[in-house]
């Protein structure tokens, strides 16, 4: 998707427990970033007023609650997002859950979470899965897109394989984004399948979800600008290859 504005490519993760702090970050980044993620922590702390505040300023919202329950409950949960001007919502689940989630989208885009970026091959083995993370992500993505999901959440490591193996038009949102050349040396990180923004976009991601690298930066706006330059470079590389 080459028509996505640069200031929407980064989805800033509002991973805060205080709604007022989240609002301050929306206002601080406003204009530079126009897409924000509201996860479980912030949603429970601030509920709908936080989302209303974000969209009221002309921004987009990804509601990352990863709905997973019996199909009817998931269907009713998705319907609660109606008229909230939410752009993306995330779900987990098997075929009946996915079908229930996409039944009443009302313009909302449903994204299937494939394998959390905090998981790696050792976690797969612990849970009794055979094969690789990449294989599982591809299998789940194919099924989700076939059942009506608008896209998936996956790490940059799998994005390339998804693009080359799934022919439908769909969105890839990639979390686990970390800046810098020494990305493999990062310690004490709860994300295991990480990548730079440039790598993610080059591999086929449409959006990158970034939180702490921006919120803990001494100069957040400069960090945003650096990441956006990475994204521009990746898009230019892809355009040159097409």
C-alpha atoms as a PDB file:
ATOM      1  CA  UNK A   1       0.000   0.000   0.000  1.00  0.00           C
ATOM      2  CA  UNK A   2       1.970   2.960  -1.314  1.00  0.00           C
ATOM      3  CA  UNK A   3      -0.720   5.582  -0.728  1.00  0.00           C
ATOM      4  CA  UNK A   4      -0.448   5.599   3.084  1.00  0.00           C
ATOM      5  CA  UNK A   5       0.703   9.055   4.313  1.00  0.00           C
ATOM      6  CA  UNK A   6       4.081   9.026   6.026  1.00  0.00           C
ATOM      7  CA  UNK A   7       2.610  10.412   9.254  1.00  0.00           C
ATOM      8  CA  UNK A   8       0.315   7.363   9.446  1.00  0.00           C
ATOM      9  CA  UNK A   9       2.985   4.715   8.873  1.00  0.00           C
ATOM     10  CA  UNK A  10       4.024   4.806  12.537  1.00  0.00           C
ATOM     11  CA  UNK A  11       1.320   3.684  14.961  1.00  0.00           C
ATOM     12  CA  UNK A  12       2.432   5.097  18.300  1.00  0.00           C
ATOM     13  CA  UNK A  13       1.680   2.721  21.171  1.00  0.00           C
ATOM     14  CA  UNK A  14       0.008   4.645  23.995  1.00  0.00           C
ATOM     15  CA  UNK A  15       1.130   2.129  26.608  1.00  0.00           C
ATOM     16  CA  UNK A  16       0.332   4.275  29.627  1.00  0.00           C
ATOM     17  CA  UNK A  17      -1.806   3.702  32.700  1.00  0.00           C
ATOM     18  CA  UNK A  18      -2.833   7.350  33.033  1.00  0.00           C
ATOM     19  CA  UNK A  19      -5.264   8.693  30.412  1.00  0.00           C
ATOM     20  CA  UNK A  20      -4.002  12.247  30.859  1.00  0.00           C
ATOM     21  CA  UNK A  21      -0.456  11.153  30.066  1.00  0.00           C
ATOM     22  CA  UNK A  22      -1.702   9.412  26.931  1.00  0.00           C
ATOM     23  CA  UNK A  23      -3.511  12.573  25.861  1.00  0.00           C
ATOM     24  CA  UNK A  24      -0.352  14.616  26.438  1.00  0.00           C
ATOM     25  CA  UNK A  25       1.557  12.298  24.092  1.00  0.00           C
ATOM     26  CA  UNK A  26      -1.142  12.545  21.433  1.00  0.00           C
ATOM     27  CA  UNK A  27      -0.873  16.328  21.579  1.00  0.00           C
ATOM     28  CA  UNK A  28       2.943  16.241  21.637  1.00  0.00           C
ATOM     29  CA  UNK A  29       3.125  14.073  18.524  1.00  0.00           C
ATOM     30  CA  UNK A  30       0.099  15.525  16.751  1.00  0.00           C
ATOM     31  CA  UNK A  31       0.883  16.238  13.127  1.00  0.00           C
ATOM     32  CA  UNK A  32       4.080  14.194  13.126  1.00  0.00           C
ATOM     33  CA  UNK A  33       2.146  11.025  13.920  1.00  0.00           C
ATOM     34  CA  UNK A  34      -1.540  10.596  13.093  1.00  0.00           C
ATOM     35  CA  UNK A  35      -2.099   6.984  14.156  1.00  0.00           C
ATOM     36  CA  UNK A  36      -2.226   5.737  17.757  1.00  0.00           C
ATOM     37  CA  UNK A  37      -2.649   2.351  19.437  1.00  0.00           C
ATOM     38  CA  UNK A  38      -4.870   1.948  22.488  1.00  0.00           C
ATOM     39  CA  UNK A  39      -4.124  -1.343  24.218  1.00  0.00           C
ATOM     40  CA  UNK A  40      -5.634  -3.161  27.153  1.00  0.00           C
ATOM     41  CA  UNK A  41      -3.834  -1.135  29.832  1.00  0.00           C
ATOM     42  CA  UNK A  42      -4.922   2.279  28.596  1.00  0.00           C
ATOM     43  CA  UNK A  43      -8.403   1.176  27.564  1.00  0.00           C
ATOM     44  CA  UNK A  44      -9.142  -0.131  31.058  1.00  0.00           C
ATOM     45  CA  UNK A  45      -7.765   3.084  32.557  1.00  0.00           C
ATOM     46  CA  UNK A  46      -9.535   5.545  30.275  1.00  0.00           C
ATOM     47  CA  UNK A  47     -12.231   3.732  28.308  1.00  0.00           C
ATOM     48  CA  UNK A  48     -13.961   5.507  25.425  1.00  0.00           C
ATOM     49  CA  UNK A  49     -13.034   9.106  26.337  1.00  0.00           C
ATOM     50  CA  UNK A  50      -9.407   8.368  25.429  1.00  0.00           C
ATOM     51  CA  UNK A  51     -10.410   7.084  22.000  1.00  0.00           C
ATOM     52  CA  UNK A  52     -12.811  10.004  21.528  1.00  0.00           C
ATOM     53  CA  UNK A  53      -9.975  12.411  22.345  1.00  0.00           C
ATOM     54  CA  UNK A  54      -7.664  10.846  19.745  1.00  0.00           C
ATOM     55  CA  UNK A  55     -10.164  10.753  16.885  1.00  0.00           C
ATOM     56  CA  UNK A  56     -11.485  14.164  17.891  1.00  0.00           C
ATOM     57  CA  UNK A  57      -8.115  15.608  16.936  1.00  0.00           C
ATOM     58  CA  UNK A  58      -8.348  14.059  13.464  1.00  0.00           C
ATOM     59  CA  UNK A  59      -6.212  11.015  14.224  1.00  0.00           C
ATOM     60  CA  UNK A  60      -6.676   7.288  13.626  1.00  0.00           C
ATOM     61  CA  UNK A  61      -6.913   4.614  16.311  1.00  0.00           C
ATOM     62  CA  UNK A  62      -5.935   0.967  16.492  1.00  0.00           C
ATOM     63  CA  UNK A  63      -7.837  -0.706  19.341  1.00  0.00           C
ATOM     64  CA  UNK A  64      -5.503  -3.528  20.324  1.00  0.00           C
ATOM     65  CA  UNK A  65      -7.628  -5.601  22.713  1.00  0.00           C
ATOM     66  CA  UNK A  66      -7.013  -8.918  20.943  1.00  0.00           C
ATOM     67  CA  UNK A  67     -10.587 -10.151  21.314  1.00  0.00           C
ATOM     68  CA  UNK A  68     -10.673 -13.866  22.152  1.00  0.00           C
ATOM     69  CA  UNK A  69     -13.823 -15.485  23.507  1.00  0.00           C
ATOM     70  CA  UNK A  70     -16.796 -17.523  22.345  1.00  0.00           C
ATOM     71  CA  UNK A  71     -17.877 -16.356  18.878  1.00  0.00           C
ATOM     72  CA  UNK A  72     -21.058 -14.552  19.953  1.00  0.00           C
ATOM     73  CA  UNK A  73     -19.183 -12.566  22.604  1.00  0.00           C
ATOM     74  CA  UNK A  74     -16.521 -11.553  20.080  1.00  0.00           C
ATOM     75  CA  UNK A  75     -19.200 -10.512  17.604  1.00  0.00           C
ATOM     76  CA  UNK A  76     -20.915  -8.346  20.230  1.00  0.00           C
ATOM     77  CA  UNK A  77     -17.565  -6.859  21.305  1.00  0.00           C
ATOM     78  CA  UNK A  78     -16.766  -5.830  17.728  1.00  0.00           C
ATOM     79  CA  UNK A  79     -20.201  -4.227  17.455  1.00  0.00           C
ATOM     80  CA  UNK A  80     -19.345  -2.046  20.462  1.00  0.00           C
ATOM     81  CA  UNK A  81     -16.775  -0.317  18.238  1.00  0.00           C
ATOM     82  CA  UNK A  82     -19.486   0.825  15.841  1.00  0.00           C
ATOM     83  CA  UNK A  83     -19.609   4.616  15.382  1.00  0.00           C
ATOM     84  CA  UNK A  84     -16.411   5.081  17.432  1.00  0.00           C
ATOM     85  CA  UNK A  85     -14.387   5.966  14.307  1.00  0.00           C
ATOM     86  CA  UNK A  86     -11.861   3.243  15.103  1.00  0.00           C
ATOM     87  CA  UNK A  87      -9.710   2.181  12.134  1.00  0.00           C
ATOM     88  CA  UNK A  88      -8.199  -1.159  13.254  1.00  0.00           C
ATOM     89  CA  UNK A  89      -9.189  -3.716  15.897  1.00  0.00           C
ATOM     90  CA  UNK A  90      -7.284  -6.897  16.737  1.00  0.00           C
ATOM     91  CA  UNK A  91      -8.527 -10.408  17.409  1.00  0.00           C
ATOM     92  CA  UNK A  92      -7.177 -13.847  18.241  1.00  0.00           C
ATOM     93  CA  UNK A  93      -8.962 -17.046  17.422  1.00  0.00           C
ATOM     94  CA  UNK A  94     -10.010 -20.025  15.383  1.00  0.00           C
ATOM     95  CA  UNK A  95     -12.353 -20.084  12.401  1.00  0.00           C
ATOM     96  CA  UNK A  96     -15.646 -19.504  14.291  1.00  0.00           C
ATOM     97  CA  UNK A  97     -14.168 -16.583  16.245  1.00  0.00           C
ATOM     98  CA  UNK A  98     -12.776 -14.941  13.108  1.00  0.00           C
ATOM     99  CA  UNK A  99     -16.068 -15.379  11.264  1.00  0.00           C
ATOM    100  CA  UNK A 100     -17.932 -13.818  14.189  1.00  0.00           C
ATOM    101  CA  UNK A 101     -15.534 -10.866  14.343  1.00  0.00           C
ATOM    102  CA  UNK A 102     -15.850  -9.955  10.668  1.00  0.00           C
ATOM    103  CA  UNK A 103     -19.633 -10.416  10.551  1.00  0.00           C
ATOM    104  CA  UNK A 104     -20.506  -6.816  11.484  1.00  0.00           C
ATOM    105  CA  UNK A 105     -17.372  -4.778  10.726  1.00  0.00           C
ATOM    106  CA  UNK A 106     -19.267  -1.619   9.747  1.00  0.00           C
ATOM    107  CA  UNK A 107     -16.201  -0.138   8.038  1.00  0.00           C
ATOM    108  CA  UNK A 108     -13.836  -1.270  10.800  1.00  0.00           C
ATOM    109  CA  UNK A 109     -10.758  -3.206   9.666  1.00  0.00           C
ATOM    110  CA  UNK A 110     -10.203  -6.444  11.591  1.00  0.00           C
ATOM    111  CA  UNK A 111      -6.605  -7.590  12.064  1.00  0.00           C
ATOM    112  CA  UNK A 112      -5.779 -11.128  13.149  1.00  0.00           C
ATOM    113  CA  UNK A 113      -2.901 -11.490  15.602  1.00  0.00           C
ATOM    114  CA  UNK A 114      -0.781 -14.331  14.235  1.00  0.00           C
ATOM    115  CA  UNK A 115       1.988 -15.107  16.752  1.00  0.00           C
ATOM    116  CA  UNK A 116       2.921 -12.553  19.407  1.00  0.00           C
ATOM    117  CA  UNK A 117       6.318 -10.957  18.833  1.00  0.00           C
ATOM    118  CA  UNK A 118       7.237 -11.920  22.399  1.00  0.00           C
ATOM    119  CA  UNK A 119       7.317 -15.562  21.202  1.00  0.00           C
ATOM    120  CA  UNK A 120      10.177 -17.389  19.516  1.00  0.00           C
ATOM    121  CA  UNK A 121      10.972 -20.984  18.539  1.00  0.00           C
ATOM    122  CA  UNK A 122      11.633 -22.062  22.135  1.00  0.00           C
ATOM    123  CA  UNK A 123       8.167 -20.871  23.194  1.00  0.00           C
ATOM    124  CA  UNK A 124       6.668 -22.822  20.297  1.00  0.00           C
ATOM    125  CA  UNK A 125       8.353 -25.988  21.540  1.00  0.00           C
ATOM    126  CA  UNK A 126       7.194 -25.364  25.121  1.00  0.00           C
ATOM    127  CA  UNK A 127       3.586 -25.202  23.908  1.00  0.00           C
ATOM    128  CA  UNK A 128       3.922 -28.385  21.880  1.00  0.00           C
ATOM    129  CA  UNK A 129       3.908 -26.781  18.420  1.00  0.00           C
ATOM    130  CA  UNK A 130       5.949 -28.339  15.638  1.00  0.00           C
ATOM    131  CA  UNK A 131       7.411 -26.371  12.762  1.00  0.00           C
ATOM    132  CA  UNK A 132       8.686 -22.813  12.791  1.00  0.00           C
ATOM    133  CA  UNK A 133       7.137 -19.535  13.907  1.00  0.00           C
ATOM    134  CA  UNK A 134       7.194 -18.448  10.268  1.00  0.00           C
ATOM    135  CA  UNK A 135       5.188 -21.502   9.206  1.00  0.00           C
ATOM    136  CA  UNK A 136       2.576 -20.896  11.906  1.00  0.00           C
ATOM    137  CA  UNK A 137       2.275 -17.198  11.043  1.00  0.00           C
ATOM    138  CA  UNK A 138       1.773 -18.027   7.356  1.00  0.00           C
ATOM    139  CA  UNK A 139      -0.840 -20.684   8.088  1.00  0.00           C
ATOM    140  CA  UNK A 140      -2.807 -18.438  10.436  1.00  0.00           C
ATOM    141  CA  UNK A 141      -2.556 -15.461   8.096  1.00  0.00           C
ATOM    142  CA  UNK A 142      -3.853 -17.375   5.081  1.00  0.00           C
ATOM    143  CA  UNK A 143      -6.812 -18.621   7.082  1.00  0.00           C
ATOM    144  CA  UNK A 144      -7.607 -15.206   8.564  1.00  0.00           C
ATOM    145  CA  UNK A 145      -7.519 -13.428   5.188  1.00  0.00           C
ATOM    146  CA  UNK A 146      -9.613 -16.157   3.544  1.00  0.00           C
ATOM    147  CA  UNK A 147     -12.228 -15.777   6.312  1.00  0.00           C
ATOM    148  CA  UNK A 148     -12.559 -12.026   5.827  1.00  0.00           C
ATOM    149  CA  UNK A 149      -9.958 -10.321   7.989  1.00  0.00           C
ATOM    150  CA  UNK A 150      -8.538  -7.147   6.492  1.00  0.00           C
ATOM    151  CA  UNK A 151      -5.014  -7.844   7.624  1.00  0.00           C
ATOM    152  CA  UNK A 152      -2.710  -9.375  10.196  1.00  0.00           C
ATOM    153  CA  UNK A 153      -0.326  -8.417  12.944  1.00  0.00           C
ATOM    154  CA  UNK A 154       3.031 -10.084  12.435  1.00  0.00           C
ATOM    155  CA  UNK A 155       6.703  -9.436  12.991  1.00  0.00           C
ATOM    156  CA  UNK A 156       8.942  -8.131  10.223  1.00  0.00           C
ATOM    157  CA  UNK A 157      10.609 -11.536  10.124  1.00  0.00           C
ATOM    158  CA  UNK A 158       7.525 -13.084   8.521  1.00  0.00           C
ATOM    159  CA  UNK A 159       6.254 -10.130   6.460  1.00  0.00           C
ATOM    160  CA  UNK A 160       8.203 -11.033   3.344  1.00  0.00           C
ATOM    161  CA  UNK A 161       6.918 -14.591   3.270  1.00  0.00           C
ATOM    162  CA  UNK A 162       3.350 -13.368   3.771  1.00  0.00           C
ATOM    163  CA  UNK A 163       3.632 -10.995   0.810  1.00  0.00           C
ATOM    164  CA  UNK A 164       5.083 -13.657  -1.465  1.00  0.00           C
ATOM    165  CA  UNK A 165       2.617 -16.400  -0.502  1.00  0.00           C
ATOM    166  CA  UNK A 166      -0.700 -14.581  -0.042  1.00  0.00           C
ATOM    167  CA  UNK A 167      -1.969 -12.908  -3.190  1.00  0.00           C
ATOM    168  CA  UNK A 168      -4.912 -11.002  -1.729  1.00  0.00           C
ATOM    169  CA  UNK A 169      -4.632  -7.325  -0.873  1.00  0.00           C
ATOM    170  CA  UNK A 170      -4.264  -7.122   2.913  1.00  0.00           C
ATOM    171  CA  UNK A 171      -2.691  -5.005   5.652  1.00  0.00           C
ATOM    172  CA  UNK A 172       0.388  -6.006   7.652  1.00  0.00           C
ATOM    173  CA  UNK A 173       0.958  -4.223  10.954  1.00  0.00           C
ATOM    174  CA  UNK A 174       4.308  -4.943  12.580  1.00  0.00           C
ATOM    175  CA  UNK A 175       5.138  -4.465  16.271  1.00  0.00           C
ATOM    176  CA  UNK A 176       8.504  -5.182  17.892  1.00  0.00           C
ATOM    177  CA  UNK A 177      10.211  -2.267  16.157  1.00  0.00           C
ATOM    178  CA  UNK A 178      13.528  -1.194  17.606  1.00  0.00           C
ATOM    179  CA  UNK A 179      15.899   1.471  16.232  1.00  0.00           C
ATOM    180  CA  UNK A 180      19.617   1.264  15.676  1.00  0.00           C
ATOM    181  CA  UNK A 181      22.236  -0.852  14.001  1.00  0.00           C
ATOM    182  CA  UNK A 182      22.886  -2.971  17.103  1.00  0.00           C
ATOM    183  CA  UNK A 183      19.361  -4.317  17.353  1.00  0.00           C
ATOM    184  CA  UNK A 184      20.535  -7.866  18.072  1.00  0.00           C
ATOM    185  CA  UNK A 185      22.391  -6.640  21.163  1.00  0.00           C
ATOM    186  CA  UNK A 186      19.301  -5.266  22.915  1.00  0.00           C
ATOM    187  CA  UNK A 187      18.892  -6.852  26.354  1.00  0.00           C
ATOM    188  CA  UNK A 188      15.939  -7.139  28.753  1.00  0.00           C
ATOM    189  CA  UNK A 189      13.373  -6.699  26.003  1.00  0.00           C
ATOM    190  CA  UNK A 190      10.005  -8.450  26.216  1.00  0.00           C
ATOM    191  CA  UNK A 191       9.907  -8.607  22.417  1.00  0.00           C
ATOM    192  CA  UNK A 192      11.912 -11.412  20.821  1.00  0.00           C
ATOM    193  CA  UNK A 193      11.231 -11.121  17.078  1.00  0.00           C
ATOM    194  CA  UNK A 194      12.338  -7.523  16.604  1.00  0.00           C
ATOM    195  CA  UNK A 195      13.443  -5.454  13.609  1.00  0.00           C
ATOM    196  CA  UNK A 196      14.091  -1.895  12.508  1.00  0.00           C
ATOM    197  CA  UNK A 197      11.354   0.119  10.853  1.00  0.00           C
ATOM    198  CA  UNK A 198      13.302   0.053   7.590  1.00  0.00           C
ATOM    199  CA  UNK A 199      13.528  -3.736   7.653  1.00  0.00           C
ATOM    200  CA  UNK A 200       9.819  -4.091   8.429  1.00  0.00           C
ATOM    201  CA  UNK A 201       8.662  -1.826   5.601  1.00  0.00           C
ATOM    202  CA  UNK A 202      11.164  -3.294   3.158  1.00  0.00           C
ATOM    203  CA  UNK A 203       9.877  -6.780   3.972  1.00  0.00           C
ATOM    204  CA  UNK A 204       6.292  -5.795   3.256  1.00  0.00           C
ATOM    205  CA  UNK A 205       4.788  -4.227   6.387  1.00  0.00           C
ATOM    206  CA  UNK A 206       2.403  -1.320   5.842  1.00  0.00           C
ATOM    207  CA  UNK A 207       2.530   0.058   9.387  1.00  0.00           C
ATOM    208  CA  UNK A 208       4.954  -0.246  12.293  1.00  0.00           C
ATOM    209  CA  UNK A 209       3.883  -0.089  15.945  1.00  0.00           C
ATOM    210  CA  UNK A 210       6.389   1.765  18.096  1.00  0.00           C
ATOM    211  CA  UNK A 211       6.163   2.811  21.737  1.00  0.00           C
ATOM    212  CA  UNK A 212       9.145   2.898  24.072  1.00  0.00           C
ATOM    213  CA  UNK A 213      11.816   3.870  21.520  1.00  0.00           C
ATOM    214  CA  UNK A 214       9.859   7.120  21.115  1.00  0.00           C
ATOM    215  CA  UNK A 215       8.420   7.622  24.615  1.00  0.00           C
ATOM    216  CA  UNK A 216      11.792   7.077  26.333  1.00  0.00           C
ATOM    217  CA  UNK A 217      13.757   9.168  23.846  1.00  0.00           C
ATOM    218  CA  UNK A 218      15.408  12.382  25.023  1.00  0.00           C
ATOM    219  CA  UNK A 219      14.094  13.995  21.854  1.00  0.00           C
ATOM    220  CA  UNK A 220      10.934  12.144  20.772  1.00  0.00           C
ATOM    221  CA  UNK A 221      10.204  14.321  17.735  1.00  0.00           C
ATOM    222  CA  UNK A 222      13.717  13.831  16.431  1.00  0.00           C
ATOM    223  CA  UNK A 223      13.382  10.078  16.950  1.00  0.00           C
ATOM    224  CA  UNK A 224      10.101  10.103  15.009  1.00  0.00           C
ATOM    225  CA  UNK A 225      11.774  12.011  12.178  1.00  0.00           C
ATOM    226  CA  UNK A 226      14.639   9.493  12.087  1.00  0.00           C
ATOM    227  CA  UNK A 227      12.250   6.549  11.902  1.00  0.00           C
ATOM    228  CA  UNK A 228      10.215   8.228   9.187  1.00  0.00           C
ATOM    229  CA  UNK A 229      13.385   8.731   7.155  1.00  0.00           C
ATOM    230  CA  UNK A 230      14.040   4.984   7.529  1.00  0.00           C
ATOM    231  CA  UNK A 231      10.535   4.277   6.262  1.00  0.00           C
ATOM    232  CA  UNK A 232      10.975   6.645   3.309  1.00  0.00           C
ATOM    233  CA  UNK A 233      14.238   4.945   2.401  1.00  0.00           C
ATOM    234  CA  UNK A 234      12.602   1.514   2.511  1.00  0.00           C
ATOM    235  CA  UNK A 235       9.693   2.692   0.359  1.00  0.00           C
ATOM    236  CA  UNK A 236      12.121   4.183  -2.159  1.00  0.00           C
ATOM    237  CA  UNK A 237      14.042   0.896  -2.326  1.00  0.00           C
ATOM    238  CA  UNK A 238      10.834  -1.027  -2.972  1.00  0.00           C
ATOM    239  CA  UNK A 239       9.735   1.453  -5.641  1.00  0.00           C
ATOM    240  CA  UNK A 240      13.082   1.045  -7.388  1.00  0.00           C
ATOM    241  CA  UNK A 241      12.658  -2.734  -7.458  1.00  0.00           C
ATOM    242  CA  UNK A 242       9.162  -2.673  -8.937  1.00  0.00           C
END
